[in-house]
Amino acid sequence: MIYITRKEHFNAAHKLCNDAWDKAKNLEVFGKCANENWHGHNYELFVTVKGQVNKDTGFVVNLKDLGDLIKSDIIEILDHKNLNVDVSGLSNILPSTENVSIFIWDILKPKVNAMGAELHCVKLVETENNYVEYFGGK
């Protein structure tokens, strides 16, 4: 089994806020991330797939094809968007880095499988100090 990773970038804004809580509770739990006027991140996305090396190509997957998939199905949806209001798949959930990683996984998993590989990990870096790694399963 071999693992290969493709890295992409996107920029997006969000606000962490539980609508069932008052402003004070949201500020207590989410701090600056509950800013009423949103805040943004320069996200780094690492998508790792695994599989067997194809004897004809020497690839697990063609990284150009994987990059094109990530750009068309993830980056185009998330880049320069407000995750709370502009992304239909995130509109009913709190767009934490954890939930955004699951969202990305759910989109990519069947498409990576169709490429003949298996999605291994979605790593989403929110800041230089914070990132999520999601390996599937809920």
N, C-alpha and C. Protein backbone atom coordinates (compact mmCIF):
# COMPACT_ATOMS: atom_id res chain seq x y z
N MET A 1 0.85 -1.18 0.00
CA MET A 1 0.00 0.00 0.00
C MET A 1 0.89 1.23 0.00
N ILE A 2 0.56 2.17 -0.86
CA ILE A 2 1.31 3.42 -0.93
C ILE A 2 0.37 4.59 -0.69
N TYR A 3 0.87 5.64 -0.07
CA TYR A 3 0.09 6.83 0.25
C TYR A 3 0.68 8.01 -0.51
N ILE A 4 -0.18 8.82 -1.08
CA ILE A 4 0.28 10.02 -1.79
C ILE A 4 -0.66 11.17 -1.44
N THR A 5 -0.08 12.35 -1.32
CA THR A 5 -0.84 13.51 -0.85
C THR A 5 -0.75 14.65 -1.85
N ARG A 6 -1.89 15.30 -2.04
CA ARG A 6 -1.99 16.51 -2.86
C ARG A 6 -2.34 17.68 -1.93
N LYS A 7 -1.64 18.80 -2.10
CA LYS A 7 -1.88 19.99 -1.28
C LYS A 7 -2.53 21.07 -2.14
N GLU A 8 -3.56 21.69 -1.59
CA GLU A 8 -4.22 22.83 -2.24
C GLU A 8 -4.48 23.90 -1.19
N HIS A 9 -4.93 25.06 -1.60
CA HIS A 9 -5.19 26.19 -0.71
C HIS A 9 -6.55 26.78 -1.02
N PHE A 10 -7.19 27.35 0.00
CA PHE A 10 -8.34 28.20 -0.23
C PHE A 10 -8.45 29.19 0.92
N ASN A 11 -9.15 30.27 0.66
CA ASN A 11 -9.39 31.31 1.66
C ASN A 11 -10.89 31.38 1.89
N ALA A 12 -11.28 31.46 3.14
CA ALA A 12 -12.71 31.52 3.45
C ALA A 12 -12.93 32.19 4.80
N ALA A 13 -14.13 32.74 4.94
CA ALA A 13 -14.54 33.35 6.20
C ALA A 13 -15.58 32.47 6.87
N HIS A 14 -15.67 32.61 8.18
CA HIS A 14 -16.73 31.93 8.92
C HIS A 14 -16.90 32.60 10.27
N LYS A 15 -17.92 32.19 10.96
CA LYS A 15 -18.17 32.62 12.33
C LYS A 15 -18.60 31.39 13.09
N LEU A 16 -18.00 31.17 14.25
CA LEU A 16 -18.41 30.08 15.10
C LEU A 16 -19.43 30.64 16.10
N CYS A 17 -20.64 30.11 16.00
CA CYS A 17 -21.72 30.65 16.80
C CYS A 17 -22.82 29.59 16.92
N ASN A 18 -23.22 29.31 18.12
CA ASN A 18 -24.35 28.41 18.35
C ASN A 18 -25.57 29.29 18.54
N ASP A 19 -26.50 29.23 17.60
CA ASP A 19 -27.68 30.10 17.64
C ASP A 19 -28.55 29.88 18.87
N ALA A 20 -28.41 28.74 19.52
CA ALA A 20 -29.20 28.46 20.73
C ALA A 20 -28.63 29.18 21.95
N TRP A 21 -27.43 29.75 21.82
CA TRP A 21 -26.78 30.43 22.94
C TRP A 21 -26.88 31.94 22.76
N ASP A 22 -26.77 32.66 23.86
CA ASP A 22 -26.71 34.12 23.78
C ASP A 22 -25.29 34.55 23.42
N LYS A 23 -25.14 35.85 23.16
CA LYS A 23 -23.85 36.39 22.74
C LYS A 23 -22.74 36.10 23.76
N ALA A 24 -23.06 36.26 25.04
CA ALA A 24 -22.05 36.04 26.09
C ALA A 24 -21.55 34.60 26.08
N LYS A 25 -22.44 33.64 25.94
CA LYS A 25 -22.05 32.23 25.93
C LYS A 25 -21.20 31.93 24.70
N ASN A 26 -21.60 32.47 23.53
CA ASN A 26 -20.81 32.26 22.32
C ASN A 26 -19.41 32.85 22.46
N LEU A 27 -19.31 34.02 23.03
CA LEU A 27 -17.99 34.62 23.25
C LEU A 27 -17.17 33.82 24.24
N GLU A 28 -17.83 33.29 25.27
CA GLU A 28 -17.13 32.47 26.26
C GLU A 28 -16.54 31.22 25.62
N VAL A 29 -17.32 30.56 24.77
CA VAL A 29 -16.89 29.29 24.18
C VAL A 29 -15.99 29.50 22.97
N PHE A 30 -16.36 30.41 22.08
CA PHE A 30 -15.67 30.56 20.79
C PHE A 30 -14.70 31.74 20.73
N GLY A 31 -14.75 32.61 21.72
CA GLY A 31 -13.83 33.75 21.73
C GLY A 31 -13.97 34.61 20.49
N LYS A 32 -12.81 35.03 19.94
CA LYS A 32 -12.80 35.89 18.76
C LYS A 32 -13.46 35.24 17.55
N CYS A 33 -13.52 33.93 17.54
CA CYS A 33 -14.14 33.22 16.41
C CYS A 33 -15.64 33.44 16.34
N ALA A 34 -16.22 34.02 17.40
CA ALA A 34 -17.65 34.35 17.40
C ALA A 34 -17.89 35.79 16.95
N ASN A 35 -16.89 36.43 16.41
CA ASN A 35 -17.00 37.81 15.95
C ASN A 35 -18.22 37.96 15.05
N GLU A 36 -19.10 38.89 15.39
CA GLU A 36 -20.33 39.08 14.62
C GLU A 36 -20.07 39.45 13.17
N ASN A 37 -18.92 40.02 12.88
CA ASN A 37 -18.58 40.43 11.52
C ASN A 37 -17.68 39.41 10.81
N TRP A 38 -17.66 38.17 11.32
CA TRP A 38 -16.93 37.07 10.70
C TRP A 38 -15.43 37.24 10.87
N HIS A 39 -14.70 36.26 10.44
CA HIS A 39 -13.24 36.30 10.37
C HIS A 39 -12.82 35.28 9.33
N GLY A 40 -11.59 35.39 8.84
CA GLY A 40 -11.17 34.51 7.74
C GLY A 40 -9.89 33.76 8.03
N HIS A 41 -9.67 32.75 7.19
CA HIS A 41 -8.47 31.92 7.28
C HIS A 41 -7.93 31.65 5.88
N ASN A 42 -6.63 31.45 5.82
CA ASN A 42 -5.97 30.97 4.62
C ASN A 42 -5.72 29.48 4.85
N TYR A 43 -6.67 28.67 4.42
CA TYR A 43 -6.62 27.23 4.70
C TYR A 43 -5.63 26.53 3.78
N GLU A 44 -4.97 25.52 4.31
CA GLU A 44 -4.19 24.58 3.52
C GLU A 44 -4.88 23.24 3.61
N LEU A 45 -5.11 22.62 2.49
CA LEU A 45 -5.81 21.34 2.42
C LEU A 45 -4.85 20.28 1.88
N PHE A 46 -4.71 19.20 2.63
CA PHE A 46 -3.90 18.06 2.21
C PHE A 46 -4.84 16.87 2.06
N VAL A 47 -4.88 16.30 0.87
CA VAL A 47 -5.72 15.13 0.61
C VAL A 47 -4.79 13.95 0.34
N THR A 48 -4.85 12.95 1.20
CA THR A 48 -4.01 11.77 1.07
C THR A 48 -4.86 10.60 0.61
N VAL A 49 -4.40 9.96 -0.46
CA VAL A 49 -5.07 8.76 -0.96
C VAL A 49 -4.10 7.60 -0.87
N LYS A 50 -4.65 6.40 -0.90
CA LYS A 50 -3.80 5.22 -0.82
C LYS A 50 -4.27 4.18 -1.81
N GLY A 51 -3.37 3.29 -2.14
CA GLY A 51 -3.71 2.22 -3.06
C GLY A 51 -2.46 1.53 -3.55
N GLN A 52 -2.66 0.72 -4.56
CA GLN A 52 -1.55 0.00 -5.18
C GLN A 52 -1.03 0.80 -6.37
N VAL A 53 0.23 0.67 -6.64
CA VAL A 53 0.84 1.35 -7.78
C VAL A 53 0.43 0.64 -9.06
N ASN A 54 -0.10 1.41 -10.00
CA ASN A 54 -0.47 0.89 -11.31
C ASN A 54 0.81 0.59 -12.09
N LYS A 55 0.93 -0.64 -12.59
CA LYS A 55 2.16 -1.05 -13.28
C LYS A 55 2.39 -0.28 -14.57
N ASP A 56 1.31 0.17 -15.22
CA ASP A 56 1.44 0.89 -16.48
C ASP A 56 1.85 2.35 -16.30
N THR A 57 1.36 2.99 -15.21
CA THR A 57 1.63 4.41 -15.02
C THR A 57 2.66 4.70 -13.93
N GLY A 58 2.82 3.77 -13.01
CA GLY A 58 3.68 4.01 -11.85
C GLY A 58 3.00 4.86 -10.78
N PHE A 59 1.71 5.13 -10.94
CA PHE A 59 0.95 5.98 -10.03
C PHE A 59 -0.04 5.17 -9.20
N VAL A 60 -0.34 5.68 -8.02
CA VAL A 60 -1.55 5.25 -7.30
C VAL A 60 -2.74 5.93 -7.96
N VAL A 61 -2.62 7.25 -8.14
CA VAL A 61 -3.55 8.05 -8.94
C VAL A 61 -2.71 9.09 -9.66
N ASN A 62 -3.24 9.60 -10.73
CA ASN A 62 -2.60 10.70 -11.42
C ASN A 62 -2.84 11.96 -10.59
N LEU A 63 -1.77 12.57 -10.09
CA LEU A 63 -1.93 13.73 -9.22
C LEU A 63 -2.56 14.93 -9.93
N LYS A 64 -2.37 15.03 -11.23
CA LYS A 64 -3.06 16.09 -11.97
C LYS A 64 -4.56 15.87 -11.89
N ASP A 65 -4.99 14.63 -12.08
CA ASP A 65 -6.43 14.33 -12.00
C ASP A 65 -6.96 14.58 -10.58
N LEU A 66 -6.18 14.18 -9.57
CA LEU A 66 -6.59 14.41 -8.19
C LEU A 66 -6.66 15.91 -7.90
N GLY A 67 -5.67 16.65 -8.36
CA GLY A 67 -5.67 18.10 -8.18
C GLY A 67 -6.86 18.75 -8.87
N ASP A 68 -7.16 18.31 -10.09
CA ASP A 68 -8.32 18.85 -10.82
C ASP A 68 -9.61 18.57 -10.06
N LEU A 69 -9.74 17.37 -9.51
CA LEU A 69 -10.92 17.00 -8.72
C LEU A 69 -11.05 17.90 -7.50
N ILE A 70 -9.98 18.07 -6.76
CA ILE A 70 -10.01 18.90 -5.55
C ILE A 70 -10.37 20.34 -5.92
N LYS A 71 -9.78 20.85 -6.98
CA LYS A 71 -10.06 22.23 -7.40
C LYS A 71 -11.51 22.41 -7.81
N SER A 72 -12.04 21.48 -8.61
CA SER A 72 -13.41 21.65 -9.12
C SER A 72 -14.47 21.37 -8.08
N ASP A 73 -14.24 20.38 -7.21
CA ASP A 73 -15.29 19.95 -6.30
C ASP A 73 -15.15 20.47 -4.87
N ILE A 74 -13.99 21.03 -4.54
CA ILE A 74 -13.79 21.57 -3.19
C ILE A 74 -13.41 23.05 -3.26
N ILE A 75 -12.32 23.36 -3.91
CA ILE A 75 -11.81 24.74 -3.91
C ILE A 75 -12.83 25.70 -4.52
N GLU A 76 -13.41 25.33 -5.64
CA GLU A 76 -14.41 26.20 -6.28
C GLU A 76 -15.60 26.45 -5.38
N ILE A 77 -15.93 25.51 -4.54
CA ILE A 77 -17.08 25.64 -3.63
C ILE A 77 -16.72 26.49 -2.41
N LEU A 78 -15.50 26.38 -1.90
CA LEU A 78 -15.13 27.01 -0.63
C LEU A 78 -14.32 28.29 -0.75
N ASP A 79 -13.56 28.44 -1.82
CA ASP A 79 -12.61 29.55 -1.91
C ASP A 79 -13.32 30.91 -1.99
N HIS A 80 -12.87 31.83 -1.14
CA HIS A 80 -13.41 33.19 -1.06
C HIS A 80 -14.90 33.20 -0.78
N LYS A 81 -15.32 32.28 0.07
CA LYS A 81 -16.73 32.18 0.45
C LYS A 81 -16.87 32.40 1.95
N ASN A 82 -18.08 32.73 2.34
CA ASN A 82 -18.46 32.74 3.75
C ASN A 82 -19.05 31.37 4.01
N LEU A 83 -18.37 30.56 4.78
CA LEU A 83 -18.77 29.17 4.99
C LEU A 83 -20.13 29.05 5.67
N ASN A 84 -20.51 30.05 6.45
CA ASN A 84 -21.80 30.01 7.13
C ASN A 84 -22.97 30.23 6.18
N VAL A 85 -22.77 31.04 5.14
CA VAL A 85 -23.92 31.43 4.32
C VAL A 85 -23.80 31.10 2.83
N ASP A 86 -22.59 30.92 2.31
CA ASP A 86 -22.41 30.73 0.88
C ASP A 86 -22.31 29.27 0.43
N VAL A 87 -22.14 28.35 1.36
CA VAL A 87 -21.90 26.95 1.01
C VAL A 87 -23.08 26.12 1.50
N SER A 88 -23.90 25.66 0.56
CA SER A 88 -25.15 24.99 0.94
C SER A 88 -24.91 23.76 1.81
N GLY A 89 -23.87 23.02 1.59
CA GLY A 89 -23.61 21.83 2.39
C GLY A 89 -23.17 22.12 3.81
N LEU A 90 -22.85 23.37 4.09
CA LEU A 90 -22.43 23.75 5.44
C LEU A 90 -23.44 24.66 6.13
N SER A 91 -24.52 25.00 5.44
CA SER A 91 -25.44 26.01 5.97
C SER A 91 -26.17 25.59 7.23
N ASN A 92 -26.30 24.30 7.48
CA ASN A 92 -27.04 23.85 8.65
C ASN A 92 -26.15 23.30 9.77
N ILE A 93 -24.83 23.49 9.61
CA ILE A 93 -23.91 23.03 10.66
C ILE A 93 -22.92 24.14 10.99
N LEU A 94 -22.36 24.07 12.15
CA LEU A 94 -21.33 25.02 12.56
C LEU A 94 -20.07 24.75 11.72
N PRO A 95 -19.58 25.72 10.96
CA PRO A 95 -18.46 25.45 10.06
C PRO A 95 -17.09 25.49 10.75
N SER A 96 -16.96 24.65 11.78
CA SER A 96 -15.66 24.47 12.43
C SER A 96 -14.73 23.75 11.45
N THR A 97 -13.47 23.79 11.73
CA THR A 97 -12.50 23.09 10.88
C THR A 97 -12.81 21.59 10.86
N GLU A 98 -13.27 21.06 11.99
CA GLU A 98 -13.65 19.65 12.05
C GLU A 98 -14.79 19.35 11.08
N ASN A 99 -15.83 20.17 11.12
CA ASN A 99 -16.99 19.93 10.25
C ASN A 99 -16.67 20.19 8.78
N VAL A 100 -15.82 21.16 8.50
CA VAL A 100 -15.43 21.41 7.11
C VAL A 100 -14.63 20.21 6.58
N SER A 101 -13.79 19.62 7.42
CA SER A 101 -13.02 18.43 7.01
C SER A 101 -13.94 17.27 6.66
N ILE A 102 -14.97 17.06 7.46
CA ILE A 102 -15.94 16.00 7.18
C ILE A 102 -16.68 16.29 5.88
N PHE A 103 -17.07 17.53 5.68
CA PHE A 103 -17.74 17.97 4.45
C PHE A 103 -16.88 17.63 3.23
N ILE A 104 -15.59 17.96 3.29
CA ILE A 104 -14.66 17.68 2.20
C ILE A 104 -14.54 16.18 1.98
N TRP A 105 -14.38 15.43 3.05
CA TRP A 105 -14.27 13.96 2.96
C TRP A 105 -15.48 13.38 2.23
N ASP A 106 -16.66 13.79 2.64
CA ASP A 106 -17.89 13.22 2.08
C ASP A 106 -18.01 13.48 0.58
N ILE A 107 -17.50 14.61 0.12
CA ILE A 107 -17.50 14.90 -1.32
C ILE A 107 -16.47 14.06 -2.05
N LEU A 108 -15.26 13.97 -1.49
CA LEU A 108 -14.15 13.34 -2.21
C LEU A 108 -14.16 11.82 -2.19
N LYS A 109 -14.64 11.21 -1.11
CA LYS A 109 -14.50 9.76 -0.95
C LYS A 109 -15.01 8.96 -2.15
N PRO A 110 -16.25 9.15 -2.60
CA PRO A 110 -16.70 8.33 -3.74
C PRO A 110 -15.95 8.65 -5.04
N LYS A 111 -15.52 9.87 -5.19
CA LYS A 111 -14.83 10.27 -6.42
C LYS A 111 -13.40 9.73 -6.46
N VAL A 112 -12.75 9.68 -5.31
CA VAL A 112 -11.42 9.06 -5.24
C VAL A 112 -11.54 7.56 -5.49
N ASN A 113 -12.58 6.94 -4.92
CA ASN A 113 -12.80 5.51 -5.18
C ASN A 113 -12.97 5.25 -6.67
N ALA A 114 -13.69 6.14 -7.35
CA ALA A 114 -13.90 5.98 -8.80
C ALA A 114 -12.59 6.12 -9.58
N MET A 115 -11.59 6.76 -8.97
CA MET A 115 -10.28 6.89 -9.60
C MET A 115 -9.42 5.64 -9.38
N GLY A 116 -9.94 4.69 -8.60
CA GLY A 116 -9.19 3.46 -8.34
C GLY A 116 -8.32 3.51 -7.11
N ALA A 117 -8.55 4.50 -6.24
CA ALA A 117 -7.77 4.61 -5.00
C ALA A 117 -8.76 4.71 -3.84
N GLU A 118 -8.21 4.86 -2.65
CA GLU A 118 -9.03 5.01 -1.45
C GLU A 118 -8.61 6.28 -0.73
N LEU A 119 -9.58 7.08 -0.32
CA LEU A 119 -9.28 8.28 0.45
C LEU A 119 -8.78 7.85 1.83
N HIS A 120 -7.62 8.33 2.21
CA HIS A 120 -7.02 7.96 3.49
C HIS A 120 -7.21 9.04 4.54
N CYS A 121 -6.95 10.31 4.15
CA CYS A 121 -6.98 11.39 5.14
C CYS A 121 -7.25 12.72 4.46
N VAL A 122 -8.05 13.52 5.13
CA VAL A 122 -8.20 14.93 4.79
C VAL A 122 -7.59 15.70 5.95
N LYS A 123 -6.55 16.46 5.66
CA LYS A 123 -5.92 17.31 6.67
C LYS A 123 -6.22 18.75 6.28
N LEU A 124 -6.82 19.49 7.19
CA LEU A 124 -7.17 20.87 6.93
C LEU A 124 -6.47 21.74 7.97
N VAL A 125 -5.57 22.58 7.48
CA VAL A 125 -4.81 23.49 8.35
C VAL A 125 -5.53 24.83 8.35
N GLU A 126 -5.97 25.24 9.54
CA GLU A 126 -6.69 26.50 9.70
C GLU A 126 -5.73 27.65 10.01
N THR A 127 -4.80 27.40 10.91
CA THR A 127 -3.77 28.37 11.27
C THR A 127 -2.46 27.61 11.41
N GLU A 128 -1.39 28.33 11.64
CA GLU A 128 -0.11 27.64 11.82
C GLU A 128 -0.11 26.77 13.07
N ASN A 129 -1.05 27.01 13.97
CA ASN A 129 -1.12 26.25 15.22
C ASN A 129 -2.24 25.22 15.27
N ASN A 130 -3.20 25.29 14.36
CA ASN A 130 -4.38 24.43 14.43
C ASN A 130 -4.65 23.73 13.11
N TYR A 131 -4.83 22.43 13.19
CA TYR A 131 -5.26 21.67 12.02
C TYR A 131 -6.03 20.43 12.46
N VAL A 132 -6.78 19.92 11.51
CA VAL A 132 -7.60 18.72 11.73
C VAL A 132 -7.14 17.66 10.75
N GLU A 133 -7.10 16.42 11.21
CA GLU A 133 -6.91 15.28 10.30
C GLU A 133 -8.13 14.38 10.47
N TYR A 134 -8.78 14.08 9.35
CA TYR A 134 -9.98 13.25 9.37
C TYR A 134 -9.73 12.02 8.52
N PHE A 135 -10.00 10.85 9.11
CA PHE A 135 -9.75 9.57 8.46
C PHE A 135 -11.03 8.83 8.13
N GLY A 136 -12.15 9.52 8.15
CA GLY A 136 -13.43 8.89 7.84
C GLY A 136 -14.11 8.34 9.08
N GLY A 137 -15.34 7.95 8.91
CA GLY A 137 -16.13 7.47 10.05
C GLY A 137 -16.70 8.65 10.80
N LYS A 138 -17.83 8.44 11.41
CA LYS A 138 -18.48 9.56 12.09
C LYS A 138 -18.47 9.37 13.57
